[in-house]
Amino acid sequence: MKLNIATLFLSFFSIFTSNGQEKIAGQNFYQFKAKSLQGKEIKMKDYEGKVVLIVNVASKCGFTPQYEGLENLYKKFNSKGLVILGFPCNQFASQEPGNAQEIAKFCSLTYGVNFPMFSKIDVNGVNAHPLYKYLKKALPGTLTNEIKWNFTKFLLDRKGNPIKRFAPNVKPEEITDDIEKLLAGK
């Protein structure tokens, strides 16, 4: 079977240009649940009507200072309908070794984090949290759907649709325009 070079190029190119708004049959953000750092089960449906930024976080990562930018976004836009959800993860070089109390203390004392934080989860592999399995399918990454490192960000609109995925090196302040557009309903 001969492969047409143009077809091969277009297939390869589409991997890098997909906006990732793939519909997942029978699934939506609001069907998921997760445990807060305090152990309380939280339904994602509680965030219905909000613009949501989901981030896998870690306390001992080179990107950890992004907590400050995330908290600044939360302070600036929470009253307009933004919620940020932090999901600690220890899958990348063991950069989130603490237990729930240690994570909460670190986030509060070091960065003044007030946005919702959840219990430590896996974001990749067979034990990946179902929410992350959904997000990775809805917004595929470059070359692979797996989360590459801590502080990967997923932005969802007010209807719970995953809209955009941001690499760990994209600072929170760099996505302000995307957040403002979604808050304005654009």
N, C-alpha and C. Protein backbone atom coordinates (compact mmCIF):
# COMPACT_ATOMS: atom_id res chain seq x y z
N MET A 1 0.85 -1.18 0.00
CA MET A 1 0.00 0.00 0.00
C MET A 1 0.89 1.24 0.00
N LYS A 2 0.70 2.11 -1.00
CA LYS A 2 1.50 3.32 -1.10
C LYS A 2 0.84 4.44 -0.28
N LEU A 3 1.67 5.18 0.44
CA LEU A 3 1.18 6.33 1.18
C LEU A 3 1.43 7.58 0.37
N ASN A 4 0.42 8.35 0.19
CA ASN A 4 0.53 9.62 -0.48
C ASN A 4 1.25 10.58 0.48
N ILE A 5 2.30 11.23 0.03
CA ILE A 5 3.09 12.14 0.87
C ILE A 5 2.22 13.26 1.43
N ALA A 6 1.34 13.81 0.62
CA ALA A 6 0.46 14.90 1.08
C ALA A 6 -0.46 14.42 2.19
N THR A 7 -1.01 13.22 2.04
CA THR A 7 -1.90 12.66 3.06
C THR A 7 -1.13 12.43 4.35
N LEU A 8 0.06 11.88 4.24
CA LEU A 8 0.90 11.64 5.40
C LEU A 8 1.23 12.96 6.11
N PHE A 9 1.60 13.99 5.34
CA PHE A 9 1.92 15.30 5.90
C PHE A 9 0.70 15.88 6.63
N LEU A 10 -0.46 15.83 5.99
CA LEU A 10 -1.68 16.38 6.60
C LEU A 10 -2.04 15.64 7.88
N SER A 11 -1.88 14.33 7.87
CA SER A 11 -2.18 13.55 9.08
C SER A 11 -1.24 13.95 10.21
N PHE A 12 0.05 14.06 9.90
CA PHE A 12 1.05 14.45 10.89
C PHE A 12 0.78 15.87 11.37
N PHE A 13 0.51 16.78 10.45
CA PHE A 13 0.27 18.19 10.79
C PHE A 13 -0.95 18.34 11.69
N SER A 14 -2.00 17.53 11.46
CA SER A 14 -3.21 17.64 12.26
C SER A 14 -2.97 17.31 13.73
N ILE A 15 -1.95 16.49 14.00
CA ILE A 15 -1.61 16.18 15.38
C ILE A 15 -1.22 17.45 16.12
N PHE A 16 -0.53 18.35 15.44
CA PHE A 16 -0.01 19.56 16.08
C PHE A 16 -0.96 20.74 16.04
N THR A 17 -2.00 20.67 15.21
CA THR A 17 -2.88 21.82 15.08
C THR A 17 -4.28 21.58 15.63
N SER A 18 -4.56 20.40 16.10
CA SER A 18 -5.88 20.11 16.63
C SER A 18 -6.17 21.01 17.82
N ASN A 19 -7.38 21.57 17.85
CA ASN A 19 -7.75 22.38 19.00
C ASN A 19 -8.20 21.49 20.15
N GLY A 20 -8.26 20.17 19.87
CA GLY A 20 -8.51 19.23 20.93
C GLY A 20 -9.93 19.15 21.41
N GLN A 21 -10.86 19.82 20.78
CA GLN A 21 -12.22 19.82 21.26
C GLN A 21 -12.97 18.57 20.80
N GLU A 22 -12.32 17.46 20.98
CA GLU A 22 -12.88 16.18 20.63
C GLU A 22 -14.01 15.84 21.60
N LYS A 23 -15.14 15.41 21.07
CA LYS A 23 -16.26 15.03 21.92
C LYS A 23 -16.04 13.60 22.40
N ILE A 24 -16.23 13.38 23.66
CA ILE A 24 -16.08 12.06 24.24
C ILE A 24 -17.49 11.52 24.47
N ALA A 25 -17.84 10.50 23.73
CA ALA A 25 -19.19 9.94 23.79
C ALA A 25 -19.58 9.59 25.22
N GLY A 26 -20.70 10.14 25.66
CA GLY A 26 -21.26 9.80 26.96
C GLY A 26 -20.52 10.38 28.15
N GLN A 27 -19.55 11.24 27.95
CA GLN A 27 -18.81 11.80 29.08
C GLN A 27 -18.84 13.32 29.04
N ASN A 28 -18.83 13.91 30.24
CA ASN A 28 -18.66 15.35 30.36
C ASN A 28 -18.03 15.66 31.71
N PHE A 29 -17.46 16.82 31.81
CA PHE A 29 -16.74 17.24 33.01
C PHE A 29 -17.59 17.11 34.27
N TYR A 30 -18.87 17.43 34.16
CA TYR A 30 -19.73 17.48 35.34
C TYR A 30 -20.05 16.12 35.94
N GLN A 31 -19.72 15.04 35.28
CA GLN A 31 -20.01 13.71 35.83
C GLN A 31 -18.93 13.23 36.81
N PHE A 32 -17.80 13.93 36.86
CA PHE A 32 -16.69 13.46 37.68
C PHE A 32 -16.75 13.99 39.11
N LYS A 33 -16.03 13.29 40.00
CA LYS A 33 -15.90 13.67 41.41
C LYS A 33 -14.43 13.52 41.78
N ALA A 34 -14.04 14.23 42.82
CA ALA A 34 -12.69 14.09 43.36
C ALA A 34 -12.72 14.46 44.83
N LYS A 35 -11.75 13.97 45.58
CA LYS A 35 -11.68 14.28 47.01
C LYS A 35 -10.83 15.53 47.23
N SER A 36 -11.33 16.41 48.07
CA SER A 36 -10.57 17.60 48.45
C SER A 36 -9.40 17.19 49.33
N LEU A 37 -8.49 18.12 49.58
CA LEU A 37 -7.37 17.84 50.48
C LEU A 37 -7.86 17.46 51.87
N GLN A 38 -9.06 17.90 52.22
CA GLN A 38 -9.64 17.57 53.52
C GLN A 38 -10.38 16.24 53.50
N GLY A 39 -10.41 15.57 52.34
CA GLY A 39 -11.05 14.25 52.22
C GLY A 39 -12.52 14.28 51.88
N LYS A 40 -13.07 15.45 51.59
CA LYS A 40 -14.49 15.57 51.24
C LYS A 40 -14.66 15.33 49.74
N GLU A 41 -15.66 14.52 49.39
CA GLU A 41 -15.93 14.28 47.97
C GLU A 41 -16.60 15.51 47.35
N ILE A 42 -16.01 16.00 46.27
CA ILE A 42 -16.51 17.19 45.57
C ILE A 42 -16.96 16.77 44.18
N LYS A 43 -18.16 17.19 43.83
CA LYS A 43 -18.68 16.92 42.48
C LYS A 43 -18.28 18.07 41.57
N MET A 44 -17.78 17.73 40.40
CA MET A 44 -17.42 18.77 39.45
C MET A 44 -18.66 19.56 39.02
N LYS A 45 -19.82 18.97 39.18
CA LYS A 45 -21.08 19.66 38.88
C LYS A 45 -21.22 20.91 39.75
N ASP A 46 -20.53 20.93 40.89
CA ASP A 46 -20.55 22.12 41.76
C ASP A 46 -19.97 23.35 41.06
N TYR A 47 -19.22 23.12 39.98
CA TYR A 47 -18.57 24.22 39.25
C TYR A 47 -19.31 24.56 37.95
N GLU A 48 -20.52 24.05 37.82
CA GLU A 48 -21.31 24.33 36.62
C GLU A 48 -21.51 25.84 36.48
N GLY A 49 -21.34 26.34 35.25
CA GLY A 49 -21.49 27.76 34.97
C GLY A 49 -20.22 28.56 35.18
N LYS A 50 -19.16 27.91 35.65
CA LYS A 50 -17.88 28.58 35.88
C LYS A 50 -16.90 28.26 34.74
N VAL A 51 -15.97 29.16 34.51
CA VAL A 51 -14.81 28.86 33.68
C VAL A 51 -13.85 28.15 34.63
N VAL A 52 -13.32 27.00 34.21
CA VAL A 52 -12.51 26.17 35.10
C VAL A 52 -11.10 25.99 34.53
N LEU A 53 -10.11 26.20 35.38
CA LEU A 53 -8.72 25.92 35.03
C LEU A 53 -8.25 24.79 35.95
N ILE A 54 -7.90 23.65 35.36
CA ILE A 54 -7.46 22.48 36.11
C ILE A 54 -5.96 22.32 35.92
N VAL A 55 -5.24 22.15 37.04
CA VAL A 55 -3.78 22.10 37.00
C VAL A 55 -3.27 20.97 37.89
N ASN A 56 -2.37 20.13 37.36
CA ASN A 56 -1.68 19.17 38.23
C ASN A 56 -0.47 19.90 38.82
N VAL A 57 -0.39 19.89 40.14
CA VAL A 57 0.58 20.72 40.84
C VAL A 57 1.56 19.87 41.67
N ALA A 58 2.65 20.49 42.07
CA ALA A 58 3.65 19.84 42.92
C ALA A 58 4.41 20.90 43.71
N SER A 59 4.81 20.55 44.91
CA SER A 59 5.47 21.49 45.83
C SER A 59 6.97 21.63 45.64
N LYS A 60 7.59 20.67 44.97
CA LYS A 60 9.05 20.68 44.86
C LYS A 60 9.49 20.62 43.40
N CYS A 61 8.85 21.42 42.58
CA CYS A 61 9.08 21.42 41.13
C CYS A 61 9.64 22.78 40.72
N GLY A 62 10.37 22.81 39.63
CA GLY A 62 10.86 24.07 39.11
C GLY A 62 9.74 25.02 38.73
N PHE A 63 8.54 24.46 38.47
CA PHE A 63 7.39 25.29 38.11
C PHE A 63 6.53 25.66 39.32
N THR A 64 6.91 25.20 40.52
CA THR A 64 6.11 25.47 41.72
C THR A 64 5.81 26.95 41.93
N PRO A 65 6.70 27.88 41.58
CA PRO A 65 6.36 29.30 41.74
C PRO A 65 5.11 29.72 40.94
N GLN A 66 4.65 28.87 40.02
CA GLN A 66 3.41 29.18 39.30
C GLN A 66 2.21 29.22 40.24
N TYR A 67 2.33 28.64 41.43
CA TYR A 67 1.24 28.77 42.42
C TYR A 67 0.88 30.24 42.61
N GLU A 68 1.89 31.11 42.65
CA GLU A 68 1.65 32.54 42.85
C GLU A 68 0.81 33.10 41.72
N GLY A 69 1.16 32.77 40.47
CA GLY A 69 0.39 33.24 39.32
C GLY A 69 -1.02 32.67 39.29
N LEU A 70 -1.15 31.41 39.68
CA LEU A 70 -2.49 30.80 39.74
C LEU A 70 -3.35 31.50 40.79
N GLU A 71 -2.78 31.77 41.95
CA GLU A 71 -3.53 32.46 42.99
C GLU A 71 -3.90 33.88 42.55
N ASN A 72 -3.00 34.56 41.84
CA ASN A 72 -3.31 35.90 41.32
C ASN A 72 -4.47 35.86 40.33
N LEU A 73 -4.47 34.86 39.44
CA LEU A 73 -5.59 34.69 38.51
C LEU A 73 -6.89 34.46 39.28
N TYR A 74 -6.82 33.62 40.29
CA TYR A 74 -8.00 33.28 41.09
C TYR A 74 -8.55 34.54 41.78
N LYS A 75 -7.66 35.32 42.37
CA LYS A 75 -8.10 36.55 43.04
C LYS A 75 -8.72 37.53 42.05
N LYS A 76 -8.11 37.65 40.89
CA LYS A 76 -8.55 38.62 39.90
C LYS A 76 -9.89 38.24 39.26
N PHE A 77 -10.07 36.94 38.99
CA PHE A 77 -11.22 36.52 38.17
C PHE A 77 -12.26 35.66 38.88
N ASN A 78 -12.02 35.27 40.12
CA ASN A 78 -12.99 34.40 40.80
C ASN A 78 -14.37 35.03 40.88
N SER A 79 -14.43 36.30 41.19
CA SER A 79 -15.74 36.97 41.31
C SER A 79 -16.45 37.10 39.96
N LYS A 80 -15.69 36.91 38.86
CA LYS A 80 -16.28 36.98 37.52
C LYS A 80 -16.64 35.60 36.98
N GLY A 81 -16.31 34.54 37.77
CA GLY A 81 -16.71 33.21 37.36
C GLY A 81 -15.60 32.22 37.08
N LEU A 82 -14.36 32.52 37.46
CA LEU A 82 -13.26 31.58 37.26
C LEU A 82 -13.04 30.77 38.54
N VAL A 83 -12.83 29.48 38.37
CA VAL A 83 -12.38 28.64 39.47
C VAL A 83 -11.14 27.88 39.00
N ILE A 84 -10.18 27.77 39.89
CA ILE A 84 -8.97 27.01 39.60
C ILE A 84 -8.99 25.79 40.51
N LEU A 85 -8.72 24.63 39.93
CA LEU A 85 -8.71 23.38 40.69
C LEU A 85 -7.30 22.79 40.64
N GLY A 86 -6.68 22.66 41.80
CA GLY A 86 -5.33 22.12 41.89
C GLY A 86 -5.34 20.65 42.28
N PHE A 87 -4.64 19.83 41.50
CA PHE A 87 -4.55 18.40 41.75
C PHE A 87 -3.10 18.00 41.96
N PRO A 88 -2.66 17.87 43.22
CA PRO A 88 -1.29 17.44 43.48
C PRO A 88 -1.01 16.07 42.86
N CYS A 89 0.20 15.92 42.35
CA CYS A 89 0.61 14.68 41.69
C CYS A 89 2.08 14.42 41.98
N ASN A 90 2.40 13.19 42.32
CA ASN A 90 3.77 12.83 42.66
C ASN A 90 4.42 11.96 41.57
N GLN A 91 3.87 11.96 40.36
CA GLN A 91 4.36 11.07 39.31
C GLN A 91 5.59 11.59 38.57
N PHE A 92 5.99 12.82 38.79
CA PHE A 92 7.10 13.40 38.05
C PHE A 92 8.25 13.68 39.00
N ALA A 93 9.23 12.79 39.01
CA ALA A 93 10.43 12.90 39.83
C ALA A 93 10.11 13.06 41.33
N SER A 94 8.98 12.48 41.75
CA SER A 94 8.57 12.50 43.17
C SER A 94 8.58 13.93 43.73
N GLN A 95 8.04 14.87 42.97
CA GLN A 95 8.07 16.28 43.36
C GLN A 95 6.89 16.72 44.22
N GLU A 96 6.02 15.77 44.57
CA GLU A 96 4.94 16.07 45.52
C GLU A 96 4.87 14.93 46.54
N PRO A 97 5.89 14.86 47.42
CA PRO A 97 5.97 13.74 48.36
C PRO A 97 5.06 13.87 49.58
N GLY A 98 4.55 15.05 49.86
CA GLY A 98 3.81 15.29 51.11
C GLY A 98 2.44 14.64 51.16
N ASN A 99 1.93 14.56 52.40
CA ASN A 99 0.55 14.10 52.59
C ASN A 99 -0.39 15.31 52.48
N ALA A 100 -1.66 15.08 52.62
CA ALA A 100 -2.66 16.15 52.43
C ALA A 100 -2.39 17.35 53.35
N GLN A 101 -2.09 17.10 54.64
CA GLN A 101 -1.85 18.20 55.57
C GLN A 101 -0.60 18.99 55.18
N GLU A 102 0.44 18.29 54.77
CA GLU A 102 1.69 18.96 54.38
C GLU A 102 1.49 19.80 53.12
N ILE A 103 0.73 19.26 52.17
CA ILE A 103 0.44 20.00 50.93
C ILE A 103 -0.36 21.25 51.25
N ALA A 104 -1.41 21.10 52.06
CA ALA A 104 -2.26 22.25 52.42
C ALA A 104 -1.45 23.32 53.14
N LYS A 105 -0.60 22.90 54.06
CA LYS A 105 0.22 23.86 54.81
C LYS A 105 1.19 24.59 53.88
N PHE A 106 1.87 23.84 53.01
CA PHE A 106 2.80 24.44 52.07
C PHE A 106 2.10 25.47 51.18
N CYS A 107 0.96 25.08 50.60
CA CYS A 107 0.24 25.97 49.67
C CYS A 107 -0.24 27.23 50.37
N SER A 108 -0.74 27.06 51.57
CA SER A 108 -1.27 28.20 52.33
C SER A 108 -0.17 29.14 52.80
N LEU A 109 0.86 28.58 53.43
CA LEU A 109 1.91 29.41 54.01
C LEU A 109 2.86 30.00 52.98
N THR A 110 3.17 29.24 51.93
CA THR A 110 4.16 29.70 50.96
C THR A 110 3.56 30.59 49.89
N TYR A 111 2.34 30.24 49.42
CA TYR A 111 1.75 30.98 48.30
C TYR A 111 0.37 31.56 48.59
N GLY A 112 -0.15 31.37 49.78
CA GLY A 112 -1.47 31.92 50.12
C GLY A 112 -2.58 31.37 49.25
N VAL A 113 -2.47 30.11 48.87
CA VAL A 113 -3.45 29.51 47.96
C VAL A 113 -4.83 29.42 48.60
N ASN A 114 -5.82 29.96 47.90
CA ASN A 114 -7.22 29.92 48.35
C ASN A 114 -8.10 29.13 47.39
N PHE A 115 -7.58 28.83 46.19
CA PHE A 115 -8.41 28.08 45.24
C PHE A 115 -8.51 26.62 45.69
N PRO A 116 -9.54 25.91 45.26
CA PRO A 116 -9.75 24.53 45.70
C PRO A 116 -8.58 23.61 45.33
N MET A 117 -8.14 22.87 46.33
CA MET A 117 -7.08 21.88 46.16
C MET A 117 -7.65 20.50 46.48
N PHE A 118 -7.19 19.52 45.73
CA PHE A 118 -7.71 18.17 45.85
C PHE A 118 -6.64 17.22 46.37
N SER A 119 -7.06 16.04 46.74
CA SER A 119 -6.14 15.01 47.20
C SER A 119 -5.20 14.61 46.07
N LYS A 120 -4.04 14.13 46.46
CA LYS A 120 -3.03 13.70 45.50
C LYS A 120 -3.58 12.59 44.62
N ILE A 121 -3.32 12.71 43.30
CA ILE A 121 -3.80 11.74 42.33
C ILE A 121 -2.69 11.38 41.36
N ASP A 122 -2.94 10.34 40.57
CA ASP A 122 -2.12 10.03 39.40
C ASP A 122 -2.81 10.66 38.20
N VAL A 123 -2.02 11.21 37.29
CA VAL A 123 -2.57 11.80 36.07
C VAL A 123 -2.27 10.94 34.83
N ASN A 124 -1.35 10.00 34.97
CA ASN A 124 -0.98 9.09 33.89
C ASN A 124 -1.05 7.65 34.39
N GLY A 125 -1.06 6.72 33.44
CA GLY A 125 -1.00 5.31 33.79
C GLY A 125 -2.35 4.71 34.14
N VAL A 126 -2.31 3.45 34.55
CA VAL A 126 -3.55 2.71 34.81
C VAL A 126 -4.32 3.28 35.99
N ASN A 127 -3.64 3.92 36.92
CA ASN A 127 -4.31 4.49 38.08
C ASN A 127 -4.64 5.98 37.92
N ALA A 128 -4.54 6.49 36.70
CA ALA A 128 -4.86 7.90 36.47
C ALA A 128 -6.31 8.17 36.89
N HIS A 129 -6.51 9.32 37.51
CA HIS A 129 -7.86 9.72 37.92
C HIS A 129 -8.75 9.80 36.68
N PRO A 130 -10.00 9.33 36.78
CA PRO A 130 -10.90 9.36 35.62
C PRO A 130 -11.05 10.75 34.99
N LEU A 131 -11.01 11.81 35.80
CA LEU A 131 -11.10 13.16 35.25
C LEU A 131 -9.93 13.42 34.31
N TYR A 132 -8.75 13.00 34.69
CA TYR A 132 -7.57 13.22 33.84
C TYR A 132 -7.59 12.32 32.60
N LYS A 133 -8.14 11.14 32.72
CA LYS A 133 -8.29 10.29 31.52
C LYS A 133 -9.18 11.01 30.52
N TYR A 134 -10.26 11.59 31.03
CA TYR A 134 -11.19 12.34 30.19
C TYR A 134 -10.52 13.57 29.56
N LEU A 135 -9.83 14.37 30.37
CA LEU A 135 -9.20 15.59 29.87
C LEU A 135 -8.15 15.28 28.80
N LYS A 136 -7.35 14.24 29.02
CA LYS A 136 -6.31 13.89 28.06
C LYS A 136 -6.90 13.41 26.74
N LYS A 137 -8.05 12.77 26.81
CA LYS A 137 -8.71 12.31 25.59
C LYS A 137 -9.35 13.51 24.86
N ALA A 138 -9.94 14.41 25.64
CA ALA A 138 -10.60 15.58 25.05
C ALA A 138 -9.61 16.58 24.46
N LEU A 139 -8.46 16.73 25.11
CA LEU A 139 -7.43 17.68 24.66
C LEU A 139 -6.09 16.95 24.57
N PRO A 140 -5.89 16.24 23.47
CA PRO A 140 -4.64 15.47 23.32
C PRO A 140 -3.41 16.37 23.36
N GLY A 141 -2.32 15.79 23.85
CA GLY A 141 -1.05 16.50 23.88
C GLY A 141 -0.30 16.33 22.57
N THR A 142 0.86 16.93 22.51
CA THR A 142 1.72 16.81 21.34
C THR A 142 2.38 15.43 21.36
N LEU A 143 2.25 14.70 20.29
CA LEU A 143 2.80 13.36 20.09
C LEU A 143 2.13 12.29 20.95
N THR A 144 1.79 12.60 22.18
CA THR A 144 1.12 11.64 23.06
C THR A 144 0.12 12.40 23.92
N ASN A 145 -0.88 11.70 24.41
CA ASN A 145 -1.88 12.35 25.25
C ASN A 145 -1.43 12.49 26.71
N GLU A 146 -0.38 11.79 27.07
CA GLU A 146 0.06 11.78 28.46
C GLU A 146 0.45 13.18 28.94
N ILE A 147 0.27 13.39 30.24
CA ILE A 147 0.73 14.62 30.87
C ILE A 147 2.26 14.52 30.92
N LYS A 148 2.93 15.57 30.45
CA LYS A 148 4.39 15.51 30.35
C LYS A 148 5.09 15.88 31.66
N TRP A 149 4.48 16.77 32.47
CA TRP A 149 5.12 17.23 33.69
C TRP A 149 4.10 17.94 34.56
N ASN A 150 4.53 18.35 35.74
CA ASN A 150 3.69 19.12 36.65
C ASN A 150 3.31 20.47 36.01
N PHE A 151 2.18 20.99 36.42
CA PHE A 151 1.66 22.29 36.00
C PHE A 151 1.18 22.32 34.55
N THR A 152 0.75 21.17 34.04
CA THR A 152 -0.01 21.14 32.80
C THR A 152 -1.39 21.70 33.14
N LYS A 153 -1.93 22.53 32.26
CA LYS A 153 -3.18 23.23 32.56
C LYS A 153 -4.25 22.90 31.51
N PHE A 154 -5.48 22.74 31.97
CA PHE A 154 -6.63 22.52 31.10
C PHE A 154 -7.66 23.61 31.39
N LEU A 155 -8.11 24.29 30.34
CA LEU A 155 -9.09 25.36 30.48
C LEU A 155 -10.42 24.89 29.92
N LEU A 156 -11.47 25.04 30.72
CA LEU A 156 -12.82 24.62 30.33
C LEU A 156 -13.74 25.84 30.32
N ASP A 157 -14.70 25.83 29.40
CA ASP A 157 -15.65 26.94 29.33
C ASP A 157 -16.76 26.78 30.37
N ARG A 158 -17.71 27.72 30.37
CA ARG A 158 -18.79 27.72 31.37
C ARG A 158 -19.75 26.54 31.21
N LYS A 159 -19.67 25.83 30.10
CA LYS A 159 -20.52 24.66 29.89
C LYS A 159 -19.77 23.36 30.19
N GLY A 160 -18.54 23.49 30.69
CA GLY A 160 -17.75 22.32 31.05
C GLY A 160 -17.02 21.70 29.88
N ASN A 161 -16.97 22.39 28.75
CA ASN A 161 -16.26 21.88 27.58
C ASN A 161 -14.77 22.17 27.70
N PRO A 162 -13.92 21.14 27.58
CA PRO A 162 -12.49 21.39 27.55
C PRO A 162 -12.13 22.18 26.29
N ILE A 163 -11.49 23.33 26.46
CA ILE A 163 -11.22 24.25 25.35
C ILE A 163 -9.75 24.26 24.95
N LYS A 164 -8.85 24.27 25.93
CA LYS A 164 -7.44 24.41 25.59
C LYS A 164 -6.57 23.76 26.65
N ARG A 165 -5.47 23.20 26.17
CA ARG A 165 -4.46 22.58 27.05
C ARG A 165 -3.18 23.40 26.95
N PHE A 166 -2.55 23.66 28.10
CA PHE A 166 -1.34 24.45 28.15
C PHE A 166 -0.20 23.63 28.75
N ALA A 167 0.96 23.72 28.14
CA ALA A 167 2.15 23.02 28.62
C ALA A 167 2.58 23.58 29.97
N PRO A 168 3.35 22.81 30.73
CA PRO A 168 3.80 23.25 32.04
C PRO A 168 4.57 24.57 32.04
N ASN A 169 5.31 24.85 30.98
CA ASN A 169 6.12 26.07 30.95
C ASN A 169 5.30 27.32 30.62
N VAL A 170 4.03 27.17 30.29
CA VAL A 170 3.16 28.33 30.06
C VAL A 170 2.74 28.86 31.42
N LYS A 171 3.15 30.08 31.71
CA LYS A 171 2.87 30.68 33.01
C LYS A 171 1.40 31.10 33.08
N PRO A 172 0.82 31.05 34.28
CA PRO A 172 -0.59 31.42 34.43
C PRO A 172 -0.94 32.79 33.83
N GLU A 173 -0.07 33.78 34.01
CA GLU A 173 -0.37 35.12 33.48
C GLU A 173 -0.41 35.15 31.95
N GLU A 174 0.17 34.15 31.31
CA GLU A 174 0.17 34.08 29.85
C GLU A 174 -1.16 33.59 29.29
N ILE A 175 -2.04 33.11 30.14
CA ILE A 175 -3.34 32.62 29.64
C ILE A 175 -4.49 33.53 30.04
N THR A 176 -4.15 34.72 30.52
CA THR A 176 -5.17 35.69 30.94
C THR A 176 -6.15 36.00 29.81
N ASP A 177 -5.65 36.22 28.59
CA ASP A 177 -6.54 36.55 27.47
C ASP A 177 -7.54 35.42 27.20
N ASP A 178 -7.07 34.18 27.25
CA ASP A 178 -7.96 33.03 27.03
C ASP A 178 -9.04 32.98 28.10
N ILE A 179 -8.67 33.24 29.33
CA ILE A 179 -9.63 33.22 30.44
C ILE A 179 -10.64 34.35 30.27
N GLU A 180 -10.16 35.55 29.95
CA GLU A 180 -11.07 36.69 29.79
C GLU A 180 -12.08 36.45 28.67
N LYS A 181 -11.64 35.85 27.57
CA LYS A 181 -12.56 35.55 26.46
C LYS A 181 -13.66 34.59 26.91
N LEU A 182 -13.29 33.55 27.65
CA LEU A 182 -14.29 32.61 28.12
C LEU A 182 -15.22 33.23 29.14
N LEU A 183 -14.68 34.08 30.02
CA LEU A 183 -15.53 34.76 30.99
C LEU A 183 -16.53 35.68 30.31
N ALA A 184 -16.12 36.24 29.18
CA ALA A 184 -17.00 37.14 28.42
C ALA A 184 -17.95 36.37 27.51
N GLY A 185 -17.80 35.06 27.48
CA GLY A 185 -18.69 34.23 26.66
C GLY A 185 -18.27 34.15 25.20
N LYS A 186 -17.02 34.42 24.90
CA LYS A 186 -16.54 34.39 23.52
C LYS A 186 -15.85 33.09 23.20
